[in-house]
Protein backbone atom coordinates (compact mmCIF):
# COMPACT_ATOMS: atom_id res chain seq x y z
CA MET A 1 -11.33 -1.46 34.95
CA PHE A 2 -13.16 0.82 32.37
CA LYS A 3 -9.76 1.09 30.29
CA ARG A 4 -9.34 -2.55 30.27
CA VAL A 5 -12.99 -2.80 29.05
CA LEU A 6 -12.48 -0.59 26.20
CA GLN A 7 -9.14 -2.33 25.35
CA TYR A 8 -11.21 -5.62 25.11
CA ILE A 9 -13.83 -4.24 23.03
CA PHE A 10 -11.10 -2.64 20.85
CA PHE A 11 -9.46 -6.16 20.21
CA ILE A 12 -12.77 -7.99 19.73
CA SER A 13 -13.77 -5.51 17.27
CA ILE A 14 -10.67 -5.94 15.25
CA GLY A 15 -10.14 -9.79 15.89
CA PHE A 16 -13.73 -10.98 15.22
CA PRO A 17 -14.04 -9.95 11.45
CA LEU A 18 -10.68 -11.52 11.02
CA VAL A 19 -11.37 -14.72 12.77
CA PHE A 20 -14.83 -14.79 11.02
CA LEU A 21 -13.53 -14.33 7.61
CA LEU A 22 -10.98 -17.44 8.15
CA ILE A 23 -13.96 -19.51 9.17
CA LEU A 24 -15.71 -18.63 6.09
CA SER A 25 -12.74 -19.36 4.05
CA PHE A 26 -13.10 -22.84 5.25
CA GLY A 27 -16.54 -23.09 4.90
CA ARG A 28 -19.15 -24.64 2.38
CA LYS A 29 -22.94 -24.76 2.51
CA TRP A 30 -23.68 -22.05 4.51
CA GLN A 31 -27.62 -21.33 4.80
CA TYR A 32 -30.05 -19.45 6.88
CA PRO A 33 -30.60 -19.48 9.74
CA SER A 34 -26.98 -21.14 10.55
CA ILE A 35 -24.60 -18.82 12.12
CA PHE A 36 -21.59 -20.95 10.92
CA PRO A 37 -21.28 -22.68 7.71
CA GLU A 38 -22.58 -26.39 7.83
CA GLU A 39 -19.30 -28.05 6.64
CA ILE A 40 -15.67 -27.07 7.18
CA THR A 41 -13.10 -28.08 4.61
CA THR A 42 -9.83 -27.18 3.36
CA THR A 43 -11.01 -27.50 -0.35
CA ASN A 44 -11.05 -23.68 -0.95
CA TRP A 45 -7.44 -23.28 0.31
CA GLU A 46 -6.16 -26.23 -1.63
CA SER A 47 -7.10 -24.69 -4.68
CA LEU A 48 -4.33 -22.10 -4.06
CA LEU A 49 -1.61 -24.73 -4.53
CA GLN A 50 -2.70 -25.31 -8.28
CA THR A 51 -0.14 -23.58 -10.43
CA ASP A 52 -2.88 -22.37 -12.63
CA ALA A 53 -5.14 -21.36 -9.78
CA GLU A 54 -6.52 -17.91 -10.52
CA LEU A 55 -6.50 -16.60 -6.92
CA PHE A 56 -2.92 -17.62 -6.60
CA ILE A 57 -1.85 -15.50 -9.80
CA THR A 58 -3.72 -12.77 -8.59
CA PHE A 59 -2.26 -12.40 -5.31
CA PHE A 60 1.42 -12.19 -6.75
CA THR A 61 0.19 -9.86 -9.57
CA SER A 62 -1.12 -7.67 -6.60
CA LEU A 63 2.21 -8.03 -4.72
CA ALA A 64 4.11 -7.08 -7.92
CA ILE A 65 2.16 -3.87 -8.39
CA SER A 66 2.33 -2.88 -5.09
CA LEU A 67 5.95 -3.37 -4.51
CA SER A 68 6.93 -1.58 -7.73
CA VAL A 69 4.73 1.19 -7.10
CA ALA A 70 6.04 1.59 -3.48
CA ILE A 71 9.76 1.22 -4.30
CA MET A 72 9.42 3.78 -7.31
CA VAL A 73 7.48 6.32 -5.21
CA THR A 74 9.75 5.99 -2.39
CA ILE A 75 12.96 6.69 -4.48
CA ILE A 76 11.67 9.22 -6.53
CA ALA A 77 9.55 10.98 -4.38
CA PHE A 78 12.76 11.33 -1.83
CA ILE A 79 14.84 13.07 -4.29
CA VAL A 80 11.95 15.31 -5.77
CA SER A 81 10.73 16.51 -2.39
CA LYS A 82 14.34 17.38 -1.45
CA TYR A 83 14.15 20.13 -4.26
CA ILE A 84 10.48 21.06 -3.64
CA CYS A 85 11.22 21.79 0.30
CA ASN A 86 14.43 23.93 -0.88
CA SER A 87 12.34 25.96 -3.50
CA LYS A 88 10.95 29.31 -2.83
CA TYR A 89 7.76 27.86 -4.41
CA LYS A 90 7.58 25.04 -1.56
CA ASN A 91 4.10 26.00 -0.59
CA VAL A 92 2.56 26.13 -4.12
CA PHE A 93 4.00 22.57 -4.97
CA LEU A 94 2.96 21.20 -1.70
CA LEU A 95 -0.63 22.75 -2.44
CA LEU A 96 -0.64 21.15 -5.91
CA ALA A 97 0.44 17.80 -4.20
CA TYR A 98 -2.94 17.60 -2.44
CA ILE A 99 -4.92 18.17 -5.54
CA PRO A 100 -5.26 14.31 -6.33
CA TYR A 101 -6.60 13.67 -2.98
CA LEU A 102 -9.46 16.19 -3.39
CA LEU A 103 -10.74 14.04 -6.30
CA SER A 104 -11.65 10.52 -6.15
CA PRO A 105 -9.36 8.06 -7.58
CA VAL A 106 -12.33 7.07 -10.11
CA ILE A 107 -12.34 10.42 -11.47
CA MET A 108 -8.61 10.90 -11.81
CA ALA A 109 -8.66 7.52 -13.52
CA VAL A 110 -11.30 8.90 -15.94
CA ILE A 111 -8.94 12.05 -16.63
CA PHE A 112 -5.91 9.78 -17.39
CA GLN A 113 -8.03 7.28 -19.39
CA TYR A 114 -7.66 8.97 -22.65
CA TYR A 115 -3.83 9.30 -22.26
CA PHE A 116 -3.64 5.64 -21.65
CA VAL A 117 -5.93 4.69 -24.40
CA ILE A 118 -3.82 6.40 -27.00
CA THR A 119 -0.56 5.17 -25.54
CA GLU A 120 -2.31 1.51 -25.74
CA LEU A 121 -1.62 1.37 -21.79
CA THR A 122 -5.01 0.40 -20.78
CA GLY A 123 -5.55 -3.40 -19.92
CA THR A 124 -1.72 -3.61 -19.34
CA LEU A 125 0.27 -4.30 -16.10
CA LEU A 126 2.57 -1.39 -16.82
CA GLY A 127 -0.35 0.95 -17.29
CA VAL A 128 -1.78 -0.09 -13.83
CA ILE A 129 1.46 0.51 -12.39
CA ILE A 130 1.87 4.00 -14.02
CA ALA A 131 -1.68 5.20 -12.92
CA GLN A 132 -1.17 4.02 -9.23
CA PHE A 133 2.19 5.85 -9.19
CA LEU A 134 0.67 8.98 -10.34
CA ILE A 135 -1.85 8.92 -7.59
CA ALA A 136 0.81 7.75 -4.92
CA PHE A 137 3.57 9.95 -5.88
CA PRO A 138 2.32 13.33 -4.56
CA PHE A 139 1.31 11.25 -1.21
CA GLY A 140 5.04 10.35 -0.94
CA VAL A 141 6.16 13.87 -1.59
CA ILE A 142 3.73 15.18 1.13
CA ILE A 143 5.28 12.45 3.59
CA TYR A 144 8.87 13.64 3.01
CA SER A 145 8.04 17.26 3.23
CA ASN A 146 7.97 16.90 7.14
CA PHE A 147 11.68 15.36 6.79
CA TRP A 148 13.36 18.17 4.95
CA ASN A 149 13.72 20.93 7.36
CA PRO A 150 16.07 23.62 7.96
CA ASN A 151 18.45 21.69 10.48
CA LEU A 152 18.83 18.62 8.13
CA LYS A 153 20.03 21.28 5.51
CA HIS A 154 22.52 22.64 7.78
CA LEU A 155 23.93 19.16 8.44
CA GLU A 156 24.20 18.47 4.80
CA GLU A 157 25.86 21.97 4.16
CA LEU A 158 28.35 21.16 6.93
CA SER A 159 29.10 17.67 5.62
CA LYS A 160 29.91 19.11 2.07
CA THR A 161 31.99 22.08 3.89
CA LEU A 162 34.14 19.50 5.44
CA GLY A 163 34.99 17.79 2.36
CA GLY A 164 32.34 15.02 2.10
CA SER A 165 31.02 14.35 -1.43
CA ASN A 166 27.35 13.98 -2.41
CA PHE A 167 27.39 10.36 -2.08
CA LYS A 168 29.36 10.48 1.47
CA THR A 169 26.82 13.13 2.49
CA PHE A 170 23.99 10.74 1.53
CA LYS A 171 25.48 7.76 2.90
CA ARG A 172 26.58 9.05 6.21
CA VAL A 173 24.17 11.86 7.10
CA LEU A 174 20.74 11.73 5.14
CA PHE A 175 20.22 8.07 4.92
CA PRO A 176 20.80 7.21 8.60
CA LEU A 177 18.37 10.25 9.39
CA SER A 178 16.03 9.39 6.85
CA LYS A 179 15.48 5.72 7.41
CA SER A 180 12.39 6.03 9.21
CA ALA A 181 10.83 8.65 6.58
CA ILE A 182 11.93 6.02 4.03
CA LEU A 183 10.08 3.24 5.81
CA LEU A 184 6.85 5.22 6.48
CA CYS A 185 6.57 6.37 2.91
CA PHE A 186 7.12 2.83 1.60
CA PHE A 187 4.73 1.20 3.99
CA GLN A 188 1.94 3.88 3.41
CA VAL A 189 2.36 3.66 -0.47
CA PHE A 190 2.32 -0.10 -0.43
CA LEU A 191 -1.08 -0.06 1.36
CA ILE A 192 -2.48 2.70 -1.00
CA SER A 193 -1.65 0.65 -4.04
CA TRP A 194 -2.62 -2.82 -2.32
CA PHE A 195 -5.85 -1.52 -1.40
CA GLU A 196 -6.68 0.72 -4.38
CA TYR A 197 -9.90 -0.60 -6.50
CA GLY A 198 -11.54 2.00 -8.60
CA LEU A 199 -8.42 3.23 -10.61
CA THR A 200 -7.05 -0.09 -11.10
CA ASN A 201 -10.42 -1.53 -12.40
CA LEU A 202 -10.68 1.07 -14.82
CA ILE A 203 -7.20 1.55 -16.36
CA GLY A 204 -7.01 -2.28 -16.19
CA THR A 205 -10.11 -2.76 -18.02
CA GLY A 206 -10.88 -6.02 -16.06
CA LYS A 207 -7.84 -7.70 -17.77
CA ILE A 208 -5.50 -6.90 -14.81
CA LYS A 209 -6.75 -8.67 -11.70
CA THR A 210 -5.67 -7.56 -8.24
CA LEU A 211 -6.96 -9.19 -5.00
CA THR A 212 -9.40 -6.05 -4.44
CA VAL A 213 -10.60 -6.43 -7.73
CA GLN A 214 -11.19 -10.32 -7.42
CA VAL A 215 -12.91 -9.85 -4.02
CA PHE A 216 -15.54 -7.70 -5.74
CA THR A 217 -15.68 -10.01 -8.57
CA TYR A 218 -16.49 -12.98 -6.11
CA ILE A 219 -19.25 -10.91 -4.17
CA ASN A 220 -20.91 -10.09 -7.58
CA GLU A 221 -21.00 -13.88 -8.22
CA ALA A 222 -22.19 -14.55 -4.61
CA ASN A 223 -19.27 -16.89 -4.14
CA LEU A 224 -18.98 -15.93 -0.55
CA PHE A 225 -16.20 -18.47 0.27
CA TYR A 226 -13.85 -17.79 -2.27
CA ALA A 227 -14.07 -14.00 -1.52
CA SER A 228 -13.48 -14.75 2.15
CA VAL A 229 -10.26 -16.73 0.78
CA ALA A 230 -9.39 -13.50 -1.09
CA CYS A 231 -9.88 -11.11 1.91
CA CYS A 232 -7.65 -13.47 4.06
CA LEU A 233 -4.88 -13.08 1.41
CA LEU A 234 -5.66 -9.19 1.25
CA VAL A 235 -4.96 -8.55 4.85
CA LEU A 236 -1.79 -10.93 5.14
CA PRO A 237 0.76 -8.27 3.72
CA PRO A 238 -0.35 -5.37 5.88
CA MET A 239 -0.11 -7.31 8.91
CA PHE A 240 3.35 -8.51 7.77
CA LEU A 241 4.37 -4.91 7.21
CA ILE A 242 3.00 -3.85 10.79
CA TYR A 243 5.00 -6.62 12.19
CA ILE A 244 8.09 -5.63 10.41
CA ASN A 245 7.68 -1.90 11.70
CA LYS A 246 6.99 -2.87 15.13
CA LYS A 247 10.52 -4.73 14.99
CA LEU A 248 12.34 -2.11 13.13
CA LEU A 249 10.95 0.49 15.70
CA MET A 250 12.04 -1.78 18.78
CA PHE A 251 15.57 -2.26 17.07
CA SER A 252 15.86 1.43 16.58
CA GLU A 253 14.72 2.22 20.37
CA SER A 254 17.36 -0.30 21.51
CA ALA A 255 20.29 0.87 19.49
CA VAL A 256 19.43 4.51 20.81
CA GLU A 257 19.71 2.93 24.32
């Protein structure tokens, strides 16, 4: 009984904010002491259907940045982490990988900003992608560091001893075993990029607007209803990734059985 009550409390604590945001996204004219908006309309969402809608463009800009960063980090960190884990200086490199997370992303952005200014990357989409990559790349290396273990190294050496080329070893040995690690890295890095605010706002100089930046802009403008629409859009990709991840785990378990 107590366990079930805790489950209900957990579901309510997660579900209520999402439901309330959805209600606000359809709302108009919300005044104290009303608990809910006085008027429910689809006007806020209909504005997204306009091809020049700012929020519509912002959503796909955020998606392009996060996908680019996640794909680059997932691929490059996979290769680099292998050499790091096989190096005799493995512990030193992994220790250095934790340094960006000892500092605030805003502090890292201040450190990077001079170099982005002289290379004219500030206020550009490419500049934001590179800045986020520099923050997320060490995290990708850390994720893969648990994957490259001695047993995997022995399997790789055995494949090569039996005549397998580097490509065949990767295709038939490393890739099948690394699917979970690759998916984990992709999902985690995507979420880091998707919800990143300080670094993006500073390097983007307000010209590159992501959904996270746009949410704070609407809040500062006291535009609560459009902020709610932006928040709803902000939680859609993470929820979709969770669903995909669950499906993939179920597929993996059924394949093993």
